[in-house]
PDB file of N, CA and C in Angstrom:
ATOM      1  N   UNK A   1      -6.591   7.835 -15.579  1.00  0.00           N
ATOM      2  CA  UNK A   1      -5.411   6.904 -15.714  1.00  0.00           C
ATOM      3  C   UNK A   1      -5.567   5.394 -15.261  1.00  0.00           C
ATOM      4  N   UNK A   2      -5.504   4.406 -15.749  1.00  0.00           N
ATOM      5  CA  UNK A   2      -5.764   3.151 -15.216  1.00  0.00           C
ATOM      6  C   UNK A   2      -4.454   2.764 -14.259  1.00  0.00           C
ATOM      7  N   UNK A   3      -4.821   1.677 -13.332  1.00  0.00           N
ATOM      8  CA  UNK A   3      -3.752   1.277 -12.580  1.00  0.00           C
ATOM      9  C   UNK A   3      -2.970   0.310 -12.985  1.00  0.00           C
ATOM     10  N   UNK A   4      -1.955   0.036 -12.617  1.00  0.00           N
ATOM     11  CA  UNK A   4      -1.105  -1.176 -12.995  1.00  0.00           C
ATOM     12  C   UNK A   4      -1.675  -2.331 -12.396  1.00  0.00           C
ATOM     13  N   UNK A   5      -1.754  -3.453 -13.040  1.00  0.00           N
ATOM     14  CA  UNK A   5      -2.190  -4.753 -12.591  1.00  0.00           C
ATOM     15  C   UNK A   5      -1.119  -5.858 -12.389  1.00  0.00           C
ATOM     16  N   UNK A   6      -0.813  -6.403 -11.285  1.00  0.00           N
ATOM     17  CA  UNK A   6      -0.116  -7.618 -11.000  1.00  0.00           C
ATOM     18  C   UNK A   6      -0.809  -8.894 -10.711  1.00  0.00           C
ATOM     19  N   UNK A   7      -1.024  -9.801 -11.329  1.00  0.00           N
ATOM     20  CA  UNK A   7      -1.893 -10.977 -11.008  1.00  0.00           C
ATOM     21  C   UNK A   7      -0.948 -12.360 -10.988  1.00  0.00           C
ATOM     22  N   UNK A   8      -1.475 -13.128 -10.398  1.00  0.00           N
ATOM     23  CA  UNK A   8      -0.905 -14.464 -10.485  1.00  0.00           C
ATOM     24  C   UNK A   8      -1.387 -15.019 -11.725  1.00  0.00           C
ATOM     25  N   UNK A   9      -0.637 -15.826 -12.541  1.00  0.00           N
ATOM     26  CA  UNK A   9      -1.247 -16.629 -13.894  1.00  0.00           C
ATOM     27  C   UNK A   9      -0.515 -17.940 -13.779  1.00  0.00           C
ATOM     28  N   UNK A  10      -1.491 -19.281 -13.919  1.00  0.00           N
ATOM     29  CA  UNK A  10      -0.970 -20.386 -13.831  1.00  0.00           C
ATOM     30  C   UNK A  10      -0.132 -20.801 -12.506  1.00  0.00           C
ATOM     31  N   UNK A  11       0.751 -21.753 -12.705  1.00  0.00           N
ATOM     32  CA  UNK A  11       1.454 -22.228 -11.330  1.00  0.00           C
ATOM     33  C   UNK A  11       2.848 -21.150 -10.970  1.00  0.00           C
ATOM     34  N   UNK A  12       3.262 -20.745 -12.078  1.00  0.00           N
ATOM     35  CA  UNK A  12       4.710 -20.090 -11.808  1.00  0.00           C
ATOM     36  C   UNK A  12       4.768 -18.918 -12.596  1.00  0.00           C
ATOM     37  N   UNK A  13       3.893 -18.272 -12.833  1.00  0.00           N
ATOM     38  CA  UNK A  13       3.963 -16.976 -13.543  1.00  0.00           C
ATOM     39  C   UNK A  13       3.169 -15.784 -13.095  1.00  0.00           C
ATOM     40  N   UNK A  14       3.410 -14.499 -13.588  1.00  0.00           N
ATOM     41  CA  UNK A  14       2.660 -13.553 -13.208  1.00  0.00           C
ATOM     42  C   UNK A  14       2.484 -12.630 -14.179  1.00  0.00           C
ATOM     43  N   UNK A  15       1.113 -12.094 -14.278  1.00  0.00           N
ATOM     44  CA  UNK A  15       0.882 -11.083 -15.505  1.00  0.00           C
ATOM     45  C   UNK A  15       0.949  -9.820 -14.888  1.00  0.00           C
ATOM     46  N   UNK A  16       1.798  -8.823 -15.524  1.00  0.00           N
ATOM     47  CA  UNK A  16       1.908  -7.332 -15.291  1.00  0.00           C
ATOM     48  C   UNK A  16       1.258  -6.745 -16.338  1.00  0.00           C
ATOM     49  N   UNK A  17       0.410  -5.841 -16.182  1.00  0.00           N
ATOM     50  CA  UNK A  17      -0.235  -4.920 -17.323  1.00  0.00           C
ATOM     51  C   UNK A  17       0.101  -3.485 -16.799  1.00  0.00           C
ATOM     52  N   UNK A  18       0.739  -2.772 -17.627  1.00  0.00           N
ATOM     53  CA  UNK A  18       1.107  -1.274 -17.535  1.00  0.00           C
ATOM     54  C   UNK A  18       0.263  -0.357 -18.595  1.00  0.00           C
ATOM     55  N   UNK A  19      -0.861   0.096 -18.119  1.00  0.00           N
ATOM     56  CA  UNK A  19      -1.482   0.637 -19.082  1.00  0.00           C
ATOM     57  C   UNK A  19      -0.932   1.802 -19.754  1.00  0.00           C
ATOM     58  N   UNK A  20      -0.932   2.153 -20.991  1.00  0.00           N
ATOM     59  CA  UNK A  20      -0.330   3.312 -21.663  1.00  0.00           C
ATOM     60  C   UNK A  20       1.249   3.026 -21.885  1.00  0.00           C
ATOM     61  N   UNK A  21       1.842   1.813 -21.485  1.00  0.00           N
ATOM     62  CA  UNK A  21       3.230   1.679 -21.777  1.00  0.00           C
ATOM     63  C   UNK A  21       3.269   0.832 -23.070  1.00  0.00           C
ATOM     64  N   UNK A  22       3.882   1.081 -24.023  1.00  0.00           N
ATOM     65  CA  UNK A  22       3.948   0.320 -25.336  1.00  0.00           C
ATOM     66  C   UNK A  22       5.352  -0.357 -25.342  1.00  0.00           C
ATOM     67  N   UNK A  23       6.355   0.552 -25.092  1.00  0.00           N
ATOM     68  CA  UNK A  23       7.830   0.081 -25.273  1.00  0.00           C
ATOM     69  C   UNK A  23       8.066  -1.006 -24.305  1.00  0.00           C
ATOM     70  N   UNK A  24       8.447  -2.203 -24.708  1.00  0.00           N
ATOM     71  CA  UNK A  24       8.981  -3.262 -23.985  1.00  0.00           C
ATOM     72  C   UNK A  24      10.152  -2.976 -23.107  1.00  0.00           C
ATOM     73  N   UNK A  25      10.915  -2.171 -23.503  1.00  0.00           N
ATOM     74  CA  UNK A  25      12.177  -1.618 -22.759  1.00  0.00           C
ATOM     75  C   UNK A  25      11.848  -0.928 -21.568  1.00  0.00           C
ATOM     76  N   UNK A  26      10.780   0.051 -21.845  1.00  0.00           N
ATOM     77  CA  UNK A  26      10.400   0.919 -20.718  1.00  0.00           C
ATOM     78  C   UNK A  26       9.719  -0.082 -19.694  1.00  0.00           C
ATOM     79  N   UNK A  27       8.904  -0.823 -20.191  1.00  0.00           N
ATOM     80  CA  UNK A  27       8.135  -1.655 -19.173  1.00  0.00           C
ATOM     81  C   UNK A  27       9.132  -2.411 -18.178  1.00  0.00           C
ATOM     82  N   UNK A  28       9.998  -3.037 -18.924  1.00  0.00           N
ATOM     83  CA  UNK A  28      11.126  -3.780 -17.928  1.00  0.00           C
ATOM     84  C   UNK A  28      11.948  -2.974 -17.087  1.00  0.00           C
ATOM     85  N   UNK A  29      12.112  -1.455 -17.558  1.00  0.00           N
ATOM     86  CA  UNK A  29      12.560  -0.703 -16.720  1.00  0.00           C
ATOM     87  C   UNK A  29      11.939  -0.419 -15.365  1.00  0.00           C
ATOM     88  N   UNK A  30      10.509  -0.122 -15.549  1.00  0.00           N
ATOM     89  CA  UNK A  30       9.567   0.333 -14.594  1.00  0.00           C
ATOM     90  C   UNK A  30       9.318  -1.094 -13.759  1.00  0.00           C
ATOM     91  N   UNK A  31       9.304  -2.146 -13.966  1.00  0.00           N
ATOM     92  CA  UNK A  31       8.972  -3.406 -13.382  1.00  0.00           C
ATOM     93  C   UNK A  31      10.280  -3.730 -12.605  1.00  0.00           C
ATOM     94  N   UNK A  32      11.384  -3.330 -13.182  1.00  0.00           N
ATOM     95  CA  UNK A  32      12.781  -3.521 -12.413  1.00  0.00           C
ATOM     96  C   UNK A  32      13.027  -2.789 -11.196  1.00  0.00           C
ATOM     97  N   UNK A  33      12.311  -1.668 -10.924  1.00  0.00           N
ATOM     98  CA  UNK A  33      12.588  -0.688  -9.901  1.00  0.00           C
ATOM     99  C   UNK A  33      12.272  -1.253  -8.672  1.00  0.00           C
ATOM    100  N   UNK A  34      12.977  -1.113  -7.390  1.00  0.00           N
ATOM    101  CA  UNK A  34      12.712  -1.638  -6.159  1.00  0.00           C
ATOM    102  C   UNK A  34      11.504  -0.906  -5.349  1.00  0.00           C
ATOM    103  N   UNK A  35      10.770  -1.614  -5.026  1.00  0.00           N
ATOM    104  CA  UNK A  35       9.646  -0.778  -4.260  1.00  0.00           C
ATOM    105  C   UNK A  35      10.025  -1.032  -2.600  1.00  0.00           C
ATOM    106  N   UNK A  36       9.380  -0.155  -1.872  1.00  0.00           N
ATOM    107  CA  UNK A  36       9.805  -0.251  -0.296  1.00  0.00           C
ATOM    108  C   UNK A  36       8.488  -0.353   0.329  1.00  0.00           C
ATOM    109  N   UNK A  37       8.473  -1.337   1.169  1.00  0.00           N
ATOM    110  CA  UNK A  37       7.140  -1.662   1.977  1.00  0.00           C
ATOM    111  C   UNK A  37       7.310  -0.829   3.340  1.00  0.00           C
ATOM    112  N   UNK A  38       6.461   0.047   3.961  1.00  0.00           N
ATOM    113  CA  UNK A  38       6.827   0.748   5.185  1.00  0.00           C
ATOM    114  C   UNK A  38       5.460   0.403   5.943  1.00  0.00           C
ATOM    115  N   UNK A  39       5.687   0.312   7.139  1.00  0.00           N
ATOM    116  CA  UNK A  39       4.651   0.243   8.266  1.00  0.00           C
ATOM    117  C   UNK A  39       4.569   1.531   9.049  1.00  0.00           C
ATOM    118  N   UNK A  40       3.634   2.274   9.112  1.00  0.00           N
ATOM    119  CA  UNK A  40       3.405   3.550   9.948  1.00  0.00           C
ATOM    120  C   UNK A  40       2.046   3.458  10.689  1.00  0.00           C
ATOM    121  N   UNK A  41       2.148   4.228  11.743  1.00  0.00           N
ATOM    122  CA  UNK A  41       0.821   4.369  12.679  1.00  0.00           C
ATOM    123  C   UNK A  41      -0.074   5.464  11.942  1.00  0.00           C
ATOM    124  N   UNK A  42      -1.464   5.024  11.885  1.00  0.00           N
ATOM    125  CA  UNK A  42      -2.444   6.011  11.551  1.00  0.00           C
ATOM    126  C   UNK A  42      -2.688   6.926  12.856  1.00  0.00           C
ATOM    127  N   UNK A  43      -2.611   8.361  12.658  1.00  0.00           N
ATOM    128  CA  UNK A  43      -2.714   9.447  13.522  1.00  0.00           C
ATOM    129  C   UNK A  43      -4.398   9.638  13.640  1.00  0.00           C
ATOM    130  N   UNK A  44      -5.189   8.941  14.599  1.00  0.00           N
ATOM    131  CA  UNK A  44      -6.324   9.422  14.741  1.00  0.00           C
ATOM    132  C   UNK A  44      -6.788  10.426  15.759  1.00  0.00           C
ATOM    133  N   UNK A  45      -5.568  11.058  16.236  1.00  0.00           N
ATOM    134  CA  UNK A  45      -5.896  12.272  17.181  1.00  0.00           C
ATOM    135  C   UNK A  45      -6.133  13.718  16.483  1.00  0.00           C
ATOM    136  N   UNK A  46      -5.784  13.736  15.163  1.00  0.00           N
ATOM    137  CA  UNK A  46      -6.446  14.932  14.346  1.00  0.00           C
ATOM    138  C   UNK A  46      -7.216  14.467  13.148  1.00  0.00           C
ATOM    139  N   UNK A  47      -8.189  15.209  12.687  1.00  0.00           N
ATOM    140  CA  UNK A  47      -8.968  14.824  11.504  1.00  0.00           C
ATOM    141  C   UNK A  47      -8.069  14.814  10.194  1.00  0.00           C
ATOM    142  N   UNK A  48      -8.184  13.909   9.384  1.00  0.00           N
ATOM    143  CA  UNK A  48      -7.324  13.924   8.183  1.00  0.00           C
ATOM    144  C   UNK A  48      -7.836  15.208   7.309  1.00  0.00           C
ATOM    145  N   UNK A  49      -9.263  15.621   7.396  1.00  0.00           N
ATOM    146  CA  UNK A  49      -9.637  16.496   6.568  1.00  0.00           C
ATOM    147  C   UNK A  49      -8.804  18.070   6.938  1.00  0.00           C
ATOM    148  N   UNK A  50      -8.635  18.191   8.174  1.00  0.00           N
ATOM    149  CA  UNK A  50      -7.928  19.425   8.589  1.00  0.00           C
ATOM    150  C   UNK A  50      -6.699  19.219   8.021  1.00  0.00           C
ATOM    151  N   UNK A  51      -5.860  18.225   8.019  1.00  0.00           N
ATOM    152  CA  UNK A  51      -4.279  17.888   7.468  1.00  0.00           C
ATOM    153  C   UNK A  51      -4.585  18.345   5.786  1.00  0.00           C
ATOM    154  N   UNK A  52      -5.648  17.532   5.184  1.00  0.00           N
ATOM    155  CA  UNK A  52      -5.765  18.084   3.859  1.00  0.00           C
ATOM    156  C   UNK A  52      -5.669  19.623   3.374  1.00  0.00           C
ATOM    157  N   UNK A  53      -6.678  20.235   4.522  1.00  0.00           N
ATOM    158  CA  UNK A  53      -6.836  21.628   4.153  1.00  0.00           C
ATOM    159  C   UNK A  53      -5.715  22.561   4.561  1.00  0.00           C
ATOM    160  N   UNK A  54      -5.070  22.293   5.735  1.00  0.00           N
ATOM    161  CA  UNK A  54      -4.283  23.152   6.563  1.00  0.00           C
ATOM    162  C   UNK A  54      -2.690  22.610   6.386  1.00  0.00           C
ATOM    163  N   UNK A  55      -2.482  21.508   6.018  1.00  0.00           N
ATOM    164  CA  UNK A  55      -1.318  20.800   6.035  1.00  0.00           C
ATOM    165  C   UNK A  55      -1.049  19.834   7.351  1.00  0.00           C
ATOM    166  N   UNK A  56      -0.624  18.856   7.282  1.00  0.00           N
ATOM    167  CA  UNK A  56      -0.367  17.820   8.299  1.00  0.00           C
ATOM    168  C   UNK A  56       0.523  18.675   9.379  1.00  0.00           C
ATOM    169  N   UNK A  57       0.312  18.330  10.902  1.00  0.00           N
ATOM    170  CA  UNK A  57       0.881  18.647  11.921  1.00  0.00           C
ATOM    171  C   UNK A  57       2.388  18.139  11.739  1.00  0.00           C
ATOM    172  N   UNK A  58       3.263  18.584  12.451  1.00  0.00           N
ATOM    173  CA  UNK A  58       4.852  18.103  12.436  1.00  0.00           C
ATOM    174  C   UNK A  58       4.855  16.678  12.873  1.00  0.00           C
ATOM    175  N   UNK A  59       5.473  15.734  12.291  1.00  0.00           N
ATOM    176  CA  UNK A  59       5.500  14.582  12.635  1.00  0.00           C
ATOM    177  C   UNK A  59       4.505  13.563  11.956  1.00  0.00           C
ATOM    178  N   UNK A  60       3.694  14.199  11.157  1.00  0.00           N
ATOM    179  CA  UNK A  60       2.408  13.700  10.403  1.00  0.00           C
ATOM    180  C   UNK A  60       2.517  13.887   8.903  1.00  0.00           C
ATOM    181  N   UNK A  61       1.870  12.854   8.207  1.00  0.00           N
ATOM    182  CA  UNK A  61       1.660  13.173   6.792  1.00  0.00           C
ATOM    183  C   UNK A  61       0.546  12.679   6.242  1.00  0.00           C
ATOM    184  N   UNK A  62       0.149  12.950   5.183  1.00  0.00           N
ATOM    185  CA  UNK A  62      -1.298  12.585   4.511  1.00  0.00           C
ATOM    186  C   UNK A  62      -0.701  11.686   3.255  1.00  0.00           C
ATOM    187  N   UNK A  63      -1.116  10.463   3.409  1.00  0.00           N
ATOM    188  CA  UNK A  63      -0.874   9.398   2.201  1.00  0.00           C
ATOM    189  C   UNK A  63      -2.175   8.934   1.682  1.00  0.00           C
ATOM    190  N   UNK A  64      -2.139   8.482   0.601  1.00  0.00           N
ATOM    191  CA  UNK A  64      -3.498   7.814  -0.030  1.00  0.00           C
ATOM    192  C   UNK A  64      -3.414   6.620  -0.676  1.00  0.00           C
ATOM    193  N   UNK A  65      -4.654   5.977  -0.139  1.00  0.00           N
ATOM    194  CA  UNK A  65      -4.796   4.387  -0.706  1.00  0.00           C
ATOM    195  C   UNK A  65      -6.019   4.561  -1.784  1.00  0.00           C
ATOM    196  N   UNK A  66      -5.935   3.267  -2.422  1.00  0.00           N
ATOM    197  CA  UNK A  66      -6.955   3.244  -3.596  1.00  0.00           C
ATOM    198  C   UNK A  66      -8.181   2.808  -2.991  1.00  0.00           C
ATOM    199  N   UNK A  67      -9.256   3.327  -3.210  1.00  0.00           N
ATOM    200  CA  UNK A  67     -10.778   3.149  -2.529  1.00  0.00           C
ATOM    201  C   UNK A  67     -11.125   1.853  -3.405  1.00  0.00           C
ATOM    202  N   UNK A  68     -12.346   1.279  -2.766  1.00  0.00           N
ATOM    203  CA  UNK A  68     -12.775  -0.011  -3.336  1.00  0.00           C
ATOM    204  C   UNK A  68     -13.369   0.150  -4.844  1.00  0.00           C
ATOM    205  N   UNK A  69     -13.872   1.416  -4.777  1.00  0.00           N
ATOM    206  CA  UNK A  69     -14.596   1.740  -6.125  1.00  0.00           C
ATOM    207  C   UNK A  69     -14.022   3.043  -6.806  1.00  0.00           C
ATOM    208  N   UNK A  70     -12.663   2.729  -6.805  1.00  0.00           N
ATOM    209  CA  UNK A  70     -11.896   3.960  -7.467  1.00  0.00           C
ATOM    210  C   UNK A  70     -11.524   5.151  -6.908  1.00  0.00           C
ATOM    211  N   UNK A  71     -10.879   6.106  -7.150  1.00  0.00           N
ATOM    212  CA  UNK A  71     -10.532   6.972  -6.338  1.00  0.00           C
ATOM    213  C   UNK A  71      -9.553   6.857  -5.346  1.00  0.00           C
ATOM    214  N   UNK A  72      -9.284   8.032  -4.434  1.00  0.00           N
ATOM    215  CA  UNK A  72      -8.359   7.776  -3.460  1.00  0.00           C
ATOM    216  C   UNK A  72      -8.893   8.194  -2.090  1.00  0.00           C
ATOM    217  N   UNK A  73      -8.370   7.484  -1.128  1.00  0.00           N
ATOM    218  CA  UNK A  73      -8.797   7.603   0.289  1.00  0.00           C
ATOM    219  C   UNK A  73      -7.658   8.154   1.069  1.00  0.00           C
ATOM    220  N   UNK A  74      -7.727   9.342   1.713  1.00  0.00           N
ATOM    221  CA  UNK A  74      -6.674   9.761   2.272  1.00  0.00           C
ATOM    222  C   UNK A  74      -6.622   9.235   3.821  1.00  0.00           C
ATOM    223  N   UNK A  75      -5.296   9.241   4.246  1.00  0.00           N
ATOM    224  CA  UNK A  75      -5.190   8.766   5.578  1.00  0.00           C
ATOM    225  C   UNK A  75      -4.027   9.776   6.185  1.00  0.00           C
ATOM    226  N   UNK A  76      -4.196   9.998   7.615  1.00  0.00           N
ATOM    227  CA  UNK A  76      -3.309  10.891   8.084  1.00  0.00           C
ATOM    228  C   UNK A  76      -2.324   9.793   9.048  1.00  0.00           C
ATOM    229  N   UNK A  77      -1.089   9.683   8.636  1.00  0.00           N
ATOM    230  CA  UNK A  77      -0.297   8.926   9.447  1.00  0.00           C
ATOM    231  C   UNK A  77       1.019   9.516  10.245  1.00  0.00           C
ATOM    232  N   UNK A  78       1.664   8.886  10.979  1.00  0.00           N
ATOM    233  CA  UNK A  78       2.515   9.352  11.690  1.00  0.00           C
ATOM    234  C   UNK A  78       3.801   9.095  10.774  1.00  0.00           C
ATOM    235  N   UNK A  79       4.739  10.103  10.781  1.00  0.00           N
ATOM    236  CA  UNK A  79       5.803  10.148   9.510  1.00  0.00           C
ATOM    237  C   UNK A  79       6.911   9.096   9.916  1.00  0.00           C
ATOM    238  N   UNK A  80       7.211   8.680  11.134  1.00  0.00           N
ATOM    239  CA  UNK A  80       8.196   7.788  11.389  1.00  0.00           C
ATOM    240  C   UNK A  80       7.872   6.380  10.846  1.00  0.00           C
ATOM    241  N   UNK A  81       8.976   5.852  10.247  1.00  0.00           N
ATOM    242  CA  UNK A  81       8.529   4.253   9.847  1.00  0.00           C
ATOM    243  C   UNK A  81       8.630   3.409  11.115  1.00  0.00           C
ATOM    244  N   UNK A  82       7.808   2.487  11.320  1.00  0.00           N
ATOM    245  CA  UNK A  82       8.144   1.732  12.611  1.00  0.00           C
ATOM    246  C   UNK A  82       8.798   0.203  12.010  1.00  0.00           C
ATOM    247  N   UNK A  83       8.399  -0.107  10.708  1.00  0.00           N
ATOM    248  CA  UNK A  83       9.093  -1.402  10.185  1.00  0.00           C
ATOM    249  C   UNK A  83       9.344  -1.374   8.766  1.00  0.00           C
ATOM    250  N   UNK A  84      10.025  -2.037   8.163  1.00  0.00           N
ATOM    251  CA  UNK A  84      10.020  -1.870   6.570  1.00  0.00           C
ATOM    252  C   UNK A  84       9.822  -3.440   6.404  1.00  0.00           C
ATOM    253  N   UNK A  85       9.510  -3.702   5.173  1.00  0.00           N
ATOM    254  CA  UNK A  85       9.218  -5.073   4.557  1.00  0.00           C
ATOM    255  C   UNK A  85      10.299  -5.961   4.371  1.00  0.00           C
ATOM    256  N   UNK A  86      11.606  -5.455   4.403  1.00  0.00           N
ATOM    257  CA  UNK A  86      12.770  -6.480   4.417  1.00  0.00           C
ATOM    258  C   UNK A  86      12.666  -7.294   5.846  1.00  0.00           C
ATOM    259  N   UNK A  87      11.933  -6.885   7.136  1.00  0.00           N
ATOM    260  CA  UNK A  87      11.712  -7.649   8.340  1.00  0.00           C
ATOM    261  C   UNK A  87      10.489  -8.707   8.310  1.00  0.00           C
ATOM    262  N   UNK A  88       9.891  -8.569   7.388  1.00  0.00           N
ATOM    263  CA  UNK A  88       8.464  -9.516   6.963  1.00  0.00           C
ATOM    264  C   UNK A  88       9.242 -10.838   6.481  1.00  0.00           C
ATOM    265  N   UNK A  89       8.710 -11.921   7.178  1.00  0.00           N
ATOM    266  CA  UNK A  89       9.208 -13.359   6.817  1.00  0.00           C
ATOM    267  C   UNK A  89       7.997 -13.981   6.265  1.00  0.00           C
ATOM    268  N   UNK A  90       6.632 -13.653   6.636  1.00  0.00           N
ATOM    269  CA  UNK A  90       5.479 -14.158   6.364  1.00  0.00           C
ATOM    270  C   UNK A  90       4.360 -13.446   6.450  1.00  0.00           C
ATOM    271  N   UNK A  91       3.318 -13.256   5.658  1.00  0.00           N
ATOM    272  CA  UNK A  91       2.243 -12.410   5.875  1.00  0.00           C
ATOM    273  C   UNK A  91       0.892 -13.500   5.129  1.00  0.00           C
ATOM    274  N   UNK A  92      -0.136 -13.482   5.904  1.00  0.00           N
ATOM    275  CA  UNK A  92      -1.319 -14.414   5.686  1.00  0.00           C
ATOM    276  C   UNK A  92      -2.502 -13.715   6.137  1.00  0.00           C
ATOM    277  N   UNK A  93      -3.807 -13.978   5.300  1.00  0.00           N
ATOM    278  CA  UNK A  93      -4.894 -13.421   5.823  1.00  0.00           C
ATOM    279  C   UNK A  93      -5.557 -14.448   6.727  1.00  0.00           C
ATOM    280  N   UNK A  94      -6.172 -14.033   7.661  1.00  0.00           N
ATOM    281  CA  UNK A  94      -6.532 -15.166   8.774  1.00  0.00           C
ATOM    282  C   UNK A  94      -8.027 -14.702   9.106  1.00  0.00           C
ATOM    283  N   UNK A  95      -8.770 -15.905   9.375  1.00  0.00           N
ATOM    284  CA  UNK A  95     -10.132 -15.553   9.503  1.00  0.00           C
ATOM    285  C   UNK A  95     -10.342 -14.950  10.902  1.00  0.00           C
ATOM    286  N   UNK A  96     -11.218 -13.893  10.953  1.00  0.00           N
ATOM    287  CA  UNK A  96     -11.474 -13.203  12.501  1.00  0.00           C
ATOM    288  C   UNK A  96     -12.695 -13.703  13.133  1.00  0.00           C
ATOM    289  N   UNK A  97     -13.125 -13.329  14.240  1.00  0.00           N
ATOM    290  CA  UNK A  97     -14.256 -13.605  14.888  1.00  0.00           C
ATOM    291  C   UNK A  97     -15.448 -12.942  14.132  1.00  0.00           C
ATOM    292  N   UNK A  98     -16.538 -13.053  14.778  1.00  0.00           N
ATOM    293  CA  UNK A  98     -17.700 -12.454  14.350  1.00  0.00           C
ATOM    294  C   UNK A  98     -17.769 -11.241  14.361  1.00  0.00           C
ATOM    295  N   UNK A  99     -16.987 -10.535  15.204  1.00  0.00           N
ATOM    296  CA  UNK A  99     -17.132  -8.952  15.185  1.00  0.00           C
ATOM    297  C   UNK A  99     -16.274  -8.397  14.411  1.00  0.00           C
ATOM    298  N   UNK A 100     -14.732  -8.810  14.451  1.00  0.00           N
ATOM    299  CA  UNK A 100     -13.679  -8.222  13.746  1.00  0.00           C
ATOM    300  C   UNK A 100     -13.635  -8.492  12.301  1.00  0.00           C
ATOM    301  N   UNK A 101     -13.954  -9.521  11.883  1.00  0.00           N
ATOM    302  CA  UNK A 101     -13.913  -9.953  10.457  1.00  0.00           C
ATOM    303  C   UNK A 101     -12.248 -10.431  10.314  1.00  0.00           C
ATOM    304  N   UNK A 102     -11.851 -10.735   8.891  1.00  0.00           N
ATOM    305  CA  UNK A 102     -10.617 -11.238   8.587  1.00  0.00           C
ATOM    306  C   UNK A 102      -9.490 -10.209   8.962  1.00  0.00           C
ATOM    307  N   UNK A 103      -8.046 -10.785   9.161  1.00  0.00           N
ATOM    308  CA  UNK A 103      -7.125  -9.724   9.369  1.00  0.00           C
ATOM    309  C   UNK A 103      -6.073 -10.296   8.820  1.00  0.00           C
ATOM    310  N   UNK A 104      -4.892  -9.424   8.553  1.00  0.00           N
ATOM    311  CA  UNK A 104      -3.710  -9.964   8.085  1.00  0.00           C
ATOM    312  C   UNK A 104      -2.745 -10.403   9.253  1.00  0.00           C
ATOM    313  N   UNK A 105      -2.105 -11.380   9.353  1.00  0.00           N
ATOM    314  CA  UNK A 105      -1.100 -11.829  10.196  1.00  0.00           C
ATOM    315  C   UNK A 105       0.184 -11.430   9.640  1.00  0.00           C
ATOM    316  N   UNK A 106       1.065 -10.736  10.324  1.00  0.00           N
ATOM    317  CA  UNK A 106       2.388 -10.866  10.033  1.00  0.00           C
ATOM    318  C   UNK A 106       3.322 -11.190  10.888  1.00  0.00           C
ATOM    319  N   UNK A 107       4.465 -11.981  10.386  1.00  0.00           N
ATOM    320  CA  UNK A 107       5.541 -12.472  11.039  1.00  0.00           C
ATOM    321  C   UNK A 107       6.996 -11.712  10.528  1.00  0.00           C
ATOM    322  N   UNK A 108       7.666 -11.571  11.608  1.00  0.00           N
ATOM    323  CA  UNK A 108       8.996 -10.927  11.368  1.00  0.00           C
ATOM    324  C   UNK A 108      10.269 -11.583  11.723  1.00  0.00           C
ATOM    325  N   UNK A 109      11.334 -11.143  11.532  1.00  0.00           N
ATOM    326  CA  UNK A 109      12.529 -11.787  11.952  1.00  0.00           C
ATOM    327  C   UNK A 109      12.928 -10.916  13.228  1.00  0.00           C
TER     328      UNK A 109
END
């Protein structure tokens, strides 16, 4: 299955591609759903492979991110939500130093 694509197009438009969706009303319904941005801590005290094989420990969960070359990358994260996207007022990519590389700076209210 191909992934949904959202990209800036021109000065004031966005392009949304929903592979496999032919019905315009269904596309509008999918686009109109509210997404939730959650910030959680990575649990690096336990191997993610163990959590996948045996189940995550209490207070943890396995979430998957999209890998650079396709596929999914598993992450073991702590279940409690630290912050949600509704508190974010600005986020920008910043250049890092020689050792750490670029990073995302997030400002909250």
